[in-house]
Amino acid sequence: MTSTQYNSTDELGVRLSDGVLWLTIQREARRNAISPGVLAALSEALTRANADRSVRAIVLTGAGDKAFCAGADLQTGQSFKFDYSEPMVGFANLFRLSRQLMVPLVGRINGACMAGGMGLMAMCDMVVAAPHAVFGLPEVKIGLFPAQVLSLLNGLIGPRALNELCITGEPITAAEALQMGMINRVSEDLDAGVQALLGRFLDKSPAAIRRGLYLMKRIGAMSFEESMAFTESQIGLFALTEDAAEGQAAFREKRKPNWSGR
């Protein structure tokens, strides 16, 4: 059992079940648009989960089946009103937090994934989408541009595809998103698809995954030689973990490993 407490809010459902933390944006009437409350609750839940060794995975989704997240809530008229004396703002801070997250984050895309919702999708490590899901960056249609989300989408998909999404503002289908490598799979039964993906790594070494995410999230901005120097030092640390010793012993003894996560 974990002593960490996870509490739902009016705008974010939070549920821990069998080592998986389920986070559901609960603003269905607003197409699960992002609000200050959603940002605060997401940040708190992710921060807690990152320090909780009992959490093996996090699933992020939206309420209902129409929208994963439509981005900023334009109905408020305050979505792009910032304190310009503050150099770092809420949405960007959530993206920064995702780069520190050492627990696999899975996106469950249950409908439209637009604008800032594309940022939430892109900060996930793996993504499963329903066939009816659509993906888009429509900011140019309201005189804006997908600025912050570009930091996550740049490198996730090819530059030509990203240029078209940003400049035309037109959406693409789940099948097209899969073809360009934006998502991992499209599943007719979305819950079954998510469970199938979870089942492919929940039985693997927690320590290897935790250290592996740390590794992968840091080499992206490095030059080749910097990356090689960093990774050649990291492999020795992987080998020093209890999970590495147990995994190799289990291999030799032809049995399933008993992971300690350390």
Protein backbone atom coordinates (compact mmCIF):
# COMPACT_ATOMS: atom_id res chain seq x y z
CA MET A 1 0.00 0.00 0.00
CA THR A 2 1.10 3.57 -0.60
CA SER A 3 0.72 6.39 1.88
CA THR A 4 0.52 8.93 -0.94
CA GLN A 5 -2.91 10.49 -1.20
CA TYR A 6 -4.49 11.22 -4.56
CA ASN A 7 -7.56 13.42 -4.56
CA SER A 8 -9.93 14.22 -7.40
CA THR A 9 -11.06 17.78 -8.02
CA ASP A 10 -14.12 19.12 -9.82
CA GLU A 11 -12.07 19.36 -13.01
CA LEU A 12 -9.69 16.40 -12.76
CA GLY A 13 -10.66 12.86 -11.82
CA VAL A 14 -7.82 11.01 -10.08
CA ARG A 15 -7.91 7.26 -9.41
CA LEU A 16 -5.15 4.83 -8.45
CA SER A 17 -5.81 1.19 -9.35
CA ASP A 18 -3.31 -1.69 -9.45
CA GLY A 19 -0.34 0.62 -9.77
CA VAL A 20 -1.88 2.74 -12.55
CA LEU A 21 -2.85 6.35 -11.86
CA TRP A 22 -5.79 7.39 -14.04
CA LEU A 23 -6.16 11.13 -14.65
CA THR A 24 -9.35 12.31 -16.38
CA ILE A 25 -9.99 15.92 -17.37
CA GLN A 26 -13.60 16.45 -16.29
CA ARG A 27 -14.81 19.45 -18.29
CA GLU A 28 -16.88 17.61 -20.87
CA ALA A 29 -19.24 20.56 -21.43
CA ARG A 30 -16.18 22.61 -22.46
CA ARG A 31 -14.69 19.78 -24.54
CA ASN A 32 -12.25 19.18 -21.67
CA ALA A 33 -10.57 22.51 -22.32
CA ILE A 34 -7.63 23.50 -20.15
CA SER A 35 -8.31 25.76 -17.17
CA PRO A 36 -6.11 26.99 -14.30
CA GLY A 37 -7.77 24.32 -12.15
CA VAL A 38 -6.88 21.56 -14.60
CA LEU A 39 -3.27 22.75 -14.82
CA ALA A 40 -2.91 22.94 -11.04
CA ALA A 41 -4.49 19.52 -10.44
CA LEU A 42 -2.46 17.85 -13.20
CA SER A 43 0.77 19.34 -11.88
CA GLU A 44 0.02 18.19 -8.34
CA ALA A 45 -0.95 14.65 -9.38
CA LEU A 46 2.11 14.20 -11.61
CA THR A 47 4.45 15.55 -8.94
CA ARG A 48 3.04 13.15 -6.34
CA ALA A 49 3.17 10.19 -8.72
CA ASN A 50 6.79 10.88 -9.62
CA ALA A 51 7.77 10.38 -5.99
CA ASP A 52 5.52 7.35 -5.43
CA ARG A 53 7.28 4.06 -6.20
CA SER A 54 3.96 2.19 -6.14
CA VAL A 55 2.80 4.02 -9.29
CA ARG A 56 3.96 2.05 -12.35
CA ALA A 57 2.09 4.04 -15.01
CA ILE A 58 -0.09 7.10 -15.50
CA VAL A 59 -2.96 7.31 -18.00
CA LEU A 60 -4.20 10.74 -19.09
CA THR A 61 -7.57 11.09 -20.81
CA GLY A 62 -10.68 13.25 -21.08
CA ALA A 63 -14.25 12.71 -19.95
CA GLY A 64 -16.78 11.37 -22.46
CA ASP A 65 -16.02 10.33 -26.03
CA LYS A 66 -16.13 13.63 -27.91
CA ALA A 67 -12.89 15.31 -26.87
CA PHE A 68 -9.60 14.46 -25.21
CA CYS A 69 -8.80 18.14 -24.83
CA ALA A 70 -9.75 21.09 -27.03
CA GLY A 71 -6.91 23.27 -25.77
CA ALA A 72 -7.40 26.61 -24.05
CA ASP A 73 -10.92 27.53 -22.93
CA LEU A 74 -11.62 30.40 -25.33
CA GLN A 75 -15.03 31.06 -23.77
CA THR A 76 -13.40 32.68 -20.75
CA GLY A 77 -11.68 35.38 -22.78
CA GLN A 78 -8.77 35.07 -20.35
CA SER A 79 -6.89 32.13 -21.86
CA PHE A 80 -3.98 34.19 -23.12
CA LYS A 81 -3.87 36.79 -20.34
CA PHE A 82 -0.61 36.30 -18.48
CA ASP A 83 1.37 38.06 -15.80
CA TYR A 84 4.08 39.28 -18.16
CA SER A 85 6.42 40.00 -15.24
CA GLU A 86 6.58 36.22 -14.64
CA PRO A 87 9.04 34.57 -17.05
CA MET A 88 7.60 31.06 -16.62
CA VAL A 89 3.87 30.39 -16.93
CA GLY A 90 1.54 27.54 -15.98
CA PHE A 91 1.17 25.54 -19.20
CA ALA A 92 4.88 25.70 -19.96
CA ASN A 93 5.63 24.64 -16.39
CA LEU A 94 3.46 21.56 -16.87
CA PHE A 95 5.51 20.67 -19.95
CA ARG A 96 8.70 21.21 -17.95
CA LEU A 97 7.34 18.89 -15.28
CA SER A 98 6.64 16.21 -17.88
CA ARG A 99 10.34 16.23 -18.81
CA GLN A 100 11.14 15.36 -15.18
CA LEU A 101 8.57 12.56 -15.00
CA MET A 102 10.11 9.12 -14.52
CA VAL A 103 6.81 7.19 -14.60
CA PRO A 104 5.51 6.15 -18.06
CA LEU A 105 2.71 8.51 -19.11
CA VAL A 106 0.17 7.05 -21.53
CA GLY A 107 -2.25 9.24 -23.45
CA ARG A 108 -5.74 7.80 -23.94
CA ILE A 109 -7.08 9.95 -26.78
CA ASN A 110 -10.86 9.54 -26.66
CA GLY A 111 -11.83 12.26 -29.13
CA ALA A 112 -10.71 15.62 -30.49
CA CYS A 113 -7.15 16.53 -29.54
CA MET A 114 -6.64 20.17 -30.46
CA ALA A 115 -4.26 23.07 -29.83
CA GLY A 116 -3.04 22.83 -26.22
CA GLY A 117 -4.50 19.34 -26.11
CA MET A 118 -1.81 18.42 -28.64
CA GLY A 119 0.71 19.51 -26.05
CA LEU A 120 -0.83 17.22 -23.43
CA MET A 121 -0.76 14.39 -25.97
CA ALA A 122 2.84 15.13 -26.97
CA MET A 123 4.09 15.16 -23.38
CA CYS A 124 2.92 11.53 -23.05
CA ASP A 125 5.47 8.79 -23.59
CA MET A 126 3.01 6.56 -25.47
CA VAL A 127 -0.41 7.24 -26.98
CA VAL A 128 -3.45 5.13 -27.85
CA ALA A 129 -6.28 6.76 -29.80
CA ALA A 130 -9.85 5.91 -30.70
CA PRO A 131 -10.56 5.66 -34.45
CA HIS A 132 -12.77 8.76 -34.36
CA ALA A 133 -10.09 10.92 -32.69
CA VAL A 134 -8.83 13.90 -34.64
CA PHE A 135 -5.66 15.92 -34.11
CA GLY A 136 -5.01 19.53 -35.01
CA LEU A 137 -3.32 22.85 -34.35
CA PRO A 138 -6.05 25.35 -35.31
CA GLU A 139 -4.50 28.41 -33.65
CA VAL A 140 -4.02 30.28 -36.95
CA LYS A 141 -7.81 30.30 -37.31
CA ILE A 142 -8.06 32.66 -34.32
CA GLY A 143 -4.97 34.74 -35.08
CA LEU A 144 -2.54 32.82 -32.88
CA PHE A 145 0.13 30.16 -33.35
CA PRO A 146 0.89 26.90 -31.47
CA ALA A 147 3.95 28.29 -29.72
CA GLN A 148 4.46 26.30 -26.52
CA VAL A 149 3.37 22.95 -27.92
CA LEU A 150 6.01 23.23 -30.65
CA SER A 151 8.68 22.53 -28.03
CA LEU A 152 7.17 19.06 -27.62
CA LEU A 153 5.95 18.38 -31.17
CA ASN A 154 9.24 19.41 -32.77
CA GLY A 155 11.10 16.13 -33.27
CA LEU A 156 8.05 13.99 -32.50
CA ILE A 157 6.92 14.18 -36.12
CA GLY A 158 8.67 15.25 -39.31
CA PRO A 159 9.12 18.95 -40.10
CA ARG A 160 6.97 18.88 -43.25
CA ALA A 161 4.00 17.37 -41.44
CA LEU A 162 4.44 19.77 -38.52
CA ASN A 163 4.66 22.76 -40.88
CA GLU A 164 1.38 21.76 -42.51
CA LEU A 165 -0.42 21.26 -39.20
CA CYS A 166 0.73 24.65 -37.90
CA ILE A 167 0.30 26.73 -41.03
CA THR A 168 -3.00 25.34 -42.36
CA GLY A 169 -4.64 24.77 -38.98
CA GLU A 170 -6.50 21.81 -40.48
CA PRO A 171 -6.97 18.56 -38.51
CA ILE A 172 -5.85 15.05 -39.34
CA THR A 173 -7.42 11.69 -38.54
CA ALA A 174 -6.18 9.11 -36.04
CA ALA A 175 -5.05 6.94 -38.95
CA GLU A 176 -2.97 9.80 -40.35
CA ALA A 177 -1.52 10.54 -36.90
CA LEU A 178 -0.52 6.88 -36.61
CA GLN A 179 1.10 6.91 -40.07
CA MET A 180 3.27 9.92 -39.21
CA GLY A 181 4.35 8.40 -35.87
CA MET A 182 2.52 10.87 -33.65
CA ILE A 183 0.73 8.07 -31.78
CA ASN A 184 1.48 4.41 -31.03
CA ARG A 185 -1.76 2.72 -31.99
CA VAL A 186 -5.41 3.15 -32.91
CA SER A 187 -7.81 0.85 -31.08
CA GLU A 188 -11.48 0.21 -31.85
CA ASP A 189 -11.89 -0.68 -28.17
CA LEU A 190 -9.98 2.18 -26.58
CA ASP A 191 -9.89 0.76 -23.06
CA ALA A 192 -8.73 -2.63 -24.32
CA GLY A 193 -6.04 -0.92 -26.37
CA VAL A 194 -4.77 1.01 -23.36
CA GLN A 195 -4.78 -2.12 -21.19
CA ALA A 196 -2.92 -4.05 -23.88
CA LEU A 197 -0.21 -1.38 -23.98
CA LEU A 198 0.03 -1.26 -20.17
CA GLY A 199 0.34 -5.03 -20.14
CA ARG A 200 3.42 -4.83 -22.33
CA PHE A 201 5.48 -2.96 -19.73
CA LEU A 202 3.92 -3.32 -16.26
CA ASP A 203 5.73 -6.65 -15.89
CA LYS A 204 9.10 -5.11 -16.74
CA SER A 205 11.73 -3.72 -14.37
CA PRO A 206 10.49 -0.55 -12.63
CA ALA A 207 14.08 0.53 -11.97
CA ALA A 208 15.11 0.09 -15.62
CA ILE A 209 12.08 2.03 -16.84
CA ARG A 210 12.59 4.83 -14.31
CA ARG A 211 16.27 5.24 -15.15
CA GLY A 212 15.51 4.69 -18.85
CA LEU A 213 13.04 7.56 -18.98
CA TYR A 214 15.59 9.76 -17.22
CA LEU A 215 18.12 8.80 -19.90
CA MET A 216 15.86 9.26 -22.91
CA LYS A 217 14.52 12.63 -21.78
CA ARG A 218 18.01 14.05 -21.44
CA ILE A 219 19.83 12.93 -24.57
CA GLY A 220 17.36 14.55 -26.98
CA ALA A 221 19.01 17.96 -26.79
CA MET A 222 22.59 16.64 -26.74
CA SER A 223 25.03 16.44 -29.58
CA PHE A 224 26.15 12.96 -30.64
CA GLU A 225 29.38 13.07 -28.62
CA GLU A 226 27.61 14.51 -25.57
CA SER A 227 25.00 11.78 -25.83
CA MET A 228 27.61 9.03 -26.13
CA ALA A 229 29.57 10.34 -23.14
CA PHE A 230 26.41 10.51 -21.04
CA THR A 231 25.03 7.11 -22.04
CA GLU A 232 28.33 5.26 -21.61
CA SER A 233 28.43 6.48 -18.01
CA GLN A 234 24.77 5.66 -17.42
CA ILE A 235 24.94 1.99 -18.46
CA GLY A 236 27.14 1.21 -15.47
CA LEU A 237 24.50 2.69 -13.15
CA PHE A 238 21.78 0.54 -14.71
CA ALA A 239 23.93 -2.51 -14.00
CA LEU A 240 24.29 -1.58 -10.32
CA THR A 241 20.56 -1.75 -9.57
CA GLU A 242 18.93 -4.62 -7.70
CA ASP A 243 16.58 -5.12 -10.65
CA ALA A 244 19.54 -5.65 -12.99
CA ALA A 245 20.99 -8.33 -10.73
CA GLU A 246 17.59 -9.99 -10.35
CA GLY A 247 16.80 -9.82 -14.07
CA GLN A 248 20.05 -11.49 -15.06
CA ALA A 249 19.70 -14.13 -12.33
CA ALA A 250 16.15 -14.89 -13.49
CA PHE A 251 17.40 -15.21 -17.07
CA ARG A 252 20.07 -17.71 -16.05
CA GLU A 253 17.65 -19.65 -13.84
CA LYS A 254 14.88 -19.62 -16.48
CA ARG A 255 12.26 -18.07 -14.20
CA LYS A 256 10.24 -14.89 -13.99
CA PRO A 257 12.04 -12.03 -12.24
CA ASN A 258 10.82 -10.71 -8.91
CA TRP A 259 11.40 -6.98 -9.26
CA SER A 260 12.17 -4.83 -6.23
CA GLY A 261 12.10 -1.64 -8.27
CA ARG A 262 15.46 -0.63 -6.81
